[in-house]
Protein backbone atom coordinates (compact mmCIF):
# COMPACT_ATOMS: atom_id res chain seq x y z
CA MET A 1 53.90 -0.43 31.67
CA SER A 2 56.47 -2.48 29.84
CA ASP A 3 54.98 -1.84 26.37
CA ARG A 4 56.18 1.41 24.92
CA PRO A 5 53.90 3.71 22.92
CA PRO A 6 54.39 3.81 19.15
CA ILE A 7 56.35 6.68 17.58
CA LEU A 8 55.05 9.00 14.85
CA ALA A 9 58.09 10.73 13.31
CA PHE A 10 58.27 13.79 11.04
CA ALA A 11 61.25 15.37 9.33
CA GLU A 12 59.77 18.83 10.01
CA ILE A 13 56.61 20.07 11.68
CA ASP A 14 55.27 23.26 13.23
CA SER A 15 55.05 21.81 16.76
CA THR A 16 54.83 18.29 18.14
CA ASN A 17 52.34 19.53 20.76
CA LEU A 18 50.16 21.03 18.03
CA GLU A 19 50.31 17.72 16.18
CA ALA A 20 49.17 15.98 19.37
CA ARG A 21 46.08 18.23 19.38
CA ARG A 22 45.45 17.47 15.71
CA GLN A 23 45.72 13.75 16.43
CA MET A 24 43.06 14.04 19.14
CA ASP A 25 40.80 16.22 16.96
CA ALA A 26 41.02 13.56 14.24
CA GLY A 27 40.06 10.76 16.62
CA GLY A 28 43.57 9.42 17.14
CA SER A 29 44.53 7.10 19.97
CA ALA A 30 46.89 7.49 22.91
CA PRO A 31 49.50 6.82 24.16
CA LEU A 32 51.61 7.99 21.23
CA TRP A 33 55.02 9.62 20.84
CA ILE A 34 55.28 12.37 18.23
CA THR A 35 58.74 13.56 17.22
CA ALA A 36 60.27 15.81 14.58
CA GLY A 37 63.75 16.52 13.31
CA ARG A 38 62.90 20.21 13.26
CA GLN A 39 60.10 22.39 14.61
CA THR A 40 59.19 25.64 12.89
CA ALA A 41 56.90 26.92 15.66
CA GLY A 42 58.06 25.14 18.80
CA ARG A 43 56.87 26.58 22.09
CA GLY A 44 58.09 26.53 25.67
CA ARG A 45 56.40 27.47 28.92
CA ARG A 46 54.47 30.75 29.15
CA GLY A 47 54.28 31.04 25.35
CA ARG A 48 58.01 31.44 24.77
CA PRO A 49 59.45 30.14 21.49
CA TRP A 50 61.50 26.95 21.74
CA GLN A 51 64.25 26.50 19.17
CA THR A 52 64.76 23.01 17.75
CA GLU A 53 67.92 22.83 15.69
CA GLN A 54 68.79 19.75 13.67
CA GLY A 55 70.29 17.17 16.01
CA ASN A 56 68.26 18.19 19.06
CA LEU A 57 65.28 16.23 20.39
CA ALA A 58 61.74 17.51 20.04
CA ALA A 59 59.08 15.03 21.13
CA THR A 60 55.60 14.91 22.64
CA LEU A 61 54.04 12.05 24.55
CA LEU A 62 50.27 12.07 23.98
CA LEU A 63 48.33 10.44 26.82
CA ALA A 64 44.74 9.91 27.90
CA THR A 65 43.95 10.00 31.60
CA ALA A 66 41.02 9.96 34.00
CA LYS A 67 42.96 12.04 36.53
CA PRO A 68 41.61 15.51 37.38
CA PRO A 69 43.55 18.41 35.80
CA ILE A 70 45.52 19.38 38.93
CA GLU A 71 46.70 15.80 39.44
CA ALA A 72 47.34 15.22 35.73
CA ALA A 73 49.70 18.22 35.73
CA GLN A 74 52.09 16.20 37.93
CA ILE A 75 53.19 14.45 34.74
CA ALA A 76 55.59 17.39 34.31
CA PHE A 77 57.65 16.09 37.26
CA VAL A 78 57.50 12.57 35.82
CA ALA A 79 58.88 13.91 32.53
CA ALA A 80 61.64 15.83 34.32
CA LEU A 81 62.83 12.63 36.01
CA ALA A 82 62.81 10.79 32.70
CA VAL A 83 64.85 13.51 30.99
CA ALA A 84 67.31 13.50 33.90
CA ASP A 85 67.74 9.74 33.39
CA VAL A 86 68.50 10.26 29.71
CA THR A 87 70.95 13.04 30.53
CA ALA A 88 72.77 10.91 33.10
CA ASN A 89 73.34 8.28 30.40
CA TYR A 90 75.65 10.66 28.56
CA VAL A 91 77.13 13.16 31.04
CA PRO A 92 78.46 12.73 34.60
CA THR A 93 75.54 12.10 36.95
CA ALA A 94 76.89 14.59 39.49
CA LEU A 95 76.29 17.40 36.96
CA VAL A 96 72.61 16.54 36.43
CA THR A 97 70.05 18.38 38.56
CA LEU A 98 66.39 19.43 38.34
CA LYS A 99 65.12 22.99 38.79
CA TRP A 100 61.52 23.58 39.76
CA PRO A 101 59.29 22.64 38.23
CA ASN A 102 60.68 20.57 35.36
CA ASP A 103 63.94 21.93 33.91
CA THR A 104 66.88 19.54 33.65
CA LEU A 105 70.25 21.22 34.20
CA ILE A 106 73.83 20.19 33.42
CA GLY A 107 76.27 22.02 35.64
CA GLY A 108 73.56 24.54 36.50
CA ARG A 109 72.73 25.35 32.86
CA LYS A 110 69.42 24.46 31.24
CA VAL A 111 69.51 21.55 28.80
CA SER A 112 65.82 20.75 28.41
CA GLY A 113 62.29 22.04 28.81
CA VAL A 114 58.88 20.47 29.36
CA LEU A 115 55.53 21.90 28.24
CA VAL A 116 52.36 20.12 29.38
CA GLU A 117 49.06 20.95 27.71
CA SER A 118 45.69 19.25 28.12
CA SER A 119 42.06 19.38 27.12
CA ALA A 120 38.88 17.34 27.43
CA HIS A 121 39.07 13.92 25.80
CA PRO A 122 36.19 13.10 23.40
CA THR A 123 35.32 9.97 25.39
CA GLY A 124 35.75 11.54 28.84
CA GLY A 125 38.66 12.47 31.04
CA LEU A 126 41.59 14.38 29.57
CA TRP A 127 44.11 14.07 26.82
CA VAL A 128 47.54 15.33 27.87
CA ALA A 129 50.41 16.39 25.61
CA VAL A 130 53.80 16.22 27.33
CA GLY A 131 56.14 18.21 25.10
CA ILE A 132 59.85 17.66 25.71
CA GLY A 133 62.78 19.47 24.12
CA VAL A 134 66.37 18.42 24.80
CA ASN A 135 69.53 20.18 23.58
CA LEU A 136 71.55 17.20 22.37
CA ALA A 137 73.85 18.77 19.78
CA HIS A 138 73.21 22.52 20.07
CA ALA A 139 72.30 25.06 22.75
CA PRO A 140 70.49 28.34 22.03
CA GLU A 141 72.39 31.52 22.81
CA ASP A 142 69.69 34.22 22.80
CA VAL A 143 67.76 32.98 25.85
CA ASP A 144 66.83 34.40 29.27
CA ARG A 145 68.96 31.92 31.22
CA PRO A 146 72.23 30.07 30.48
CA ALA A 147 71.75 26.98 28.34
CA THR A 148 73.93 24.05 27.41
CA SER A 149 73.83 20.81 25.40
CA PHE A 150 74.89 17.20 25.79
CA SER A 151 77.64 17.72 23.23
CA ALA A 152 79.28 20.43 25.38
CA HIS A 153 79.92 17.81 28.07
CA MET A 154 80.85 14.79 25.93
CA THR A 155 84.13 13.77 24.32
CA GLY A 156 82.32 11.90 21.56
CA PRO A 157 79.28 12.79 19.44
CA PRO A 158 75.95 13.23 21.22
CA PRO A 159 73.14 10.71 20.73
CA THR A 160 70.87 11.13 17.76
CA PRO A 161 67.34 12.31 18.56
CA LEU A 162 65.91 8.83 17.99
CA GLU A 163 68.58 7.24 20.21
CA ALA A 164 67.73 9.70 22.97
CA LEU A 165 64.00 9.15 22.44
CA ASP A 166 64.44 5.41 22.84
CA ILE A 167 65.95 5.91 26.30
CA LEU A 168 63.44 8.64 27.14
CA SER A 169 60.50 6.41 26.24
CA GLY A 170 61.71 3.65 28.56
CA ALA A 171 62.37 6.10 31.38
CA MET A 172 58.94 7.69 30.98
CA GLU A 173 57.25 4.31 31.24
CA HIS A 174 59.21 3.53 34.42
CA TRP A 175 58.35 6.78 36.21
CA ARG A 176 54.82 6.94 34.82
CA GLY A 177 54.18 3.42 36.05
CA LEU A 178 55.39 4.36 39.52
CA TRP A 179 53.21 7.49 39.50
CA GLU A 180 50.14 5.52 38.42
CA SER A 181 50.65 2.77 41.00
CA ALA A 182 51.96 4.70 44.02
CA GLY A 183 50.91 8.32 43.49
CA PHE A 184 52.99 11.47 43.55
CA ALA A 185 54.94 10.82 46.78
CA PRO A 186 57.71 8.66 45.23
CA ILE A 187 57.94 11.06 42.28
CA ALA A 188 58.40 13.99 44.66
CA GLU A 189 61.03 12.06 46.62
CA ALA A 190 63.00 11.19 43.48
CA TRP A 191 62.70 14.76 42.19
CA THR A 192 63.91 16.17 45.53
CA SER A 193 66.97 13.91 45.49
CA ARG A 194 68.07 15.63 42.27
CA ALA A 195 66.80 19.13 43.07
CA HIS A 196 68.82 22.23 42.27
CA GLY A 197 68.80 25.10 44.74
CA LEU A 198 66.93 23.73 47.74
CA GLY A 199 67.97 25.68 50.82
CA GLU A 200 69.15 28.57 48.65
CA ARG A 201 67.72 32.02 48.07
CA CYS A 202 65.77 32.49 44.87
CA VAL A 203 63.47 34.88 43.06
CA ALA A 204 60.06 33.70 41.88
CA ARG A 205 58.59 35.75 39.04
CA LEU A 206 54.85 35.20 39.21
CA PRO A 207 52.17 36.43 36.78
CA ALA A 208 51.34 39.49 38.92
CA GLU A 209 54.31 39.92 41.27
CA THR A 210 57.89 38.94 42.11
CA VAL A 211 58.75 37.40 45.47
CA GLU A 212 62.05 36.39 47.06
CA GLY A 213 62.81 33.73 49.63
CA VAL A 214 64.52 30.43 50.36
CA ALA A 215 63.38 27.34 48.43
CA GLU A 216 62.48 24.68 51.00
CA GLY A 217 61.10 21.86 48.86
CA LEU A 218 57.95 20.43 47.31
CA ASP A 219 54.48 20.30 48.78
CA ALA A 220 52.43 17.14 48.34
CA ASP A 221 50.95 18.49 45.10
CA GLY A 222 54.25 19.69 43.57
CA ALA A 223 54.04 23.35 44.61
CA LEU A 224 57.36 24.91 45.65
CA ARG A 225 57.56 25.98 49.30
CA LEU A 226 59.23 29.38 49.52
CA ARG A 227 60.19 30.82 52.94
CA LEU A 228 59.95 34.61 52.81
CA ALA A 229 62.18 37.02 54.74
CA ASN A 230 59.40 37.67 57.27
CA GLY A 231 59.15 33.97 58.04
CA ALA A 232 55.92 33.39 56.13
CA LEU A 233 55.62 30.36 53.87
CA ARG A 234 54.53 30.98 50.27
CA ARG A 235 53.37 28.22 47.95
CA ILE A 236 54.51 28.75 44.35
CA THR A 237 52.26 26.90 41.92
CA ALA A 238 53.13 28.73 38.69
CA GLY A 239 55.93 31.03 37.63
CA ASP A 240 59.64 31.23 36.88
CA VAL A 241 62.21 30.62 39.63
CA PHE A 242 65.74 32.01 39.43
CA PHE A 243 68.60 31.05 41.77
């Protein structure tokens, strides 16, 4: 996967993921990167708003795949590794970690988010929109967990969004190529080597309950293994995890 997808750039848009859907509805082709200098209706996981201030990166990689939905969702871990690579280009590598499932952290504070959405492709299979937001120049303050930005950890100016996207695109092709050729196992291994909080107690807020335990690692499908106080093992497949 040495050829990188083309880039469709906007000065301002409602949401790069929404534009990905519009591209598919209009018969567009994939793969394609969609980016915007500013989003007016950006979204994060579980429907939360995602702020995109000028100087931060907002981008969506639009893909087509024949993978079944559960397997296609593993692209979130691929994206997390790519964002971690970009981050490590500008801040000390020792500060860069990944929190389940796909948050990149700098010094334990969130610097990026990934939102994966998919639907049936007109010609079969799925189209997948991998939305990625990275705090390059600014970090939001009114959020549910501590956030940071590249600029807070750099002595010089942070990269521009297009500079960061150039590195991100190359990193995505590297990890996506490995995923396509060798499956999820090497992705899980690379993710685990950068994981934040493994072996530590955490709280998992699930759609219908909250559970506590020790994070033990990833299952073969990307679920988080959580060891409960009574010794039982709980697989977390969706939810928010707090350490």
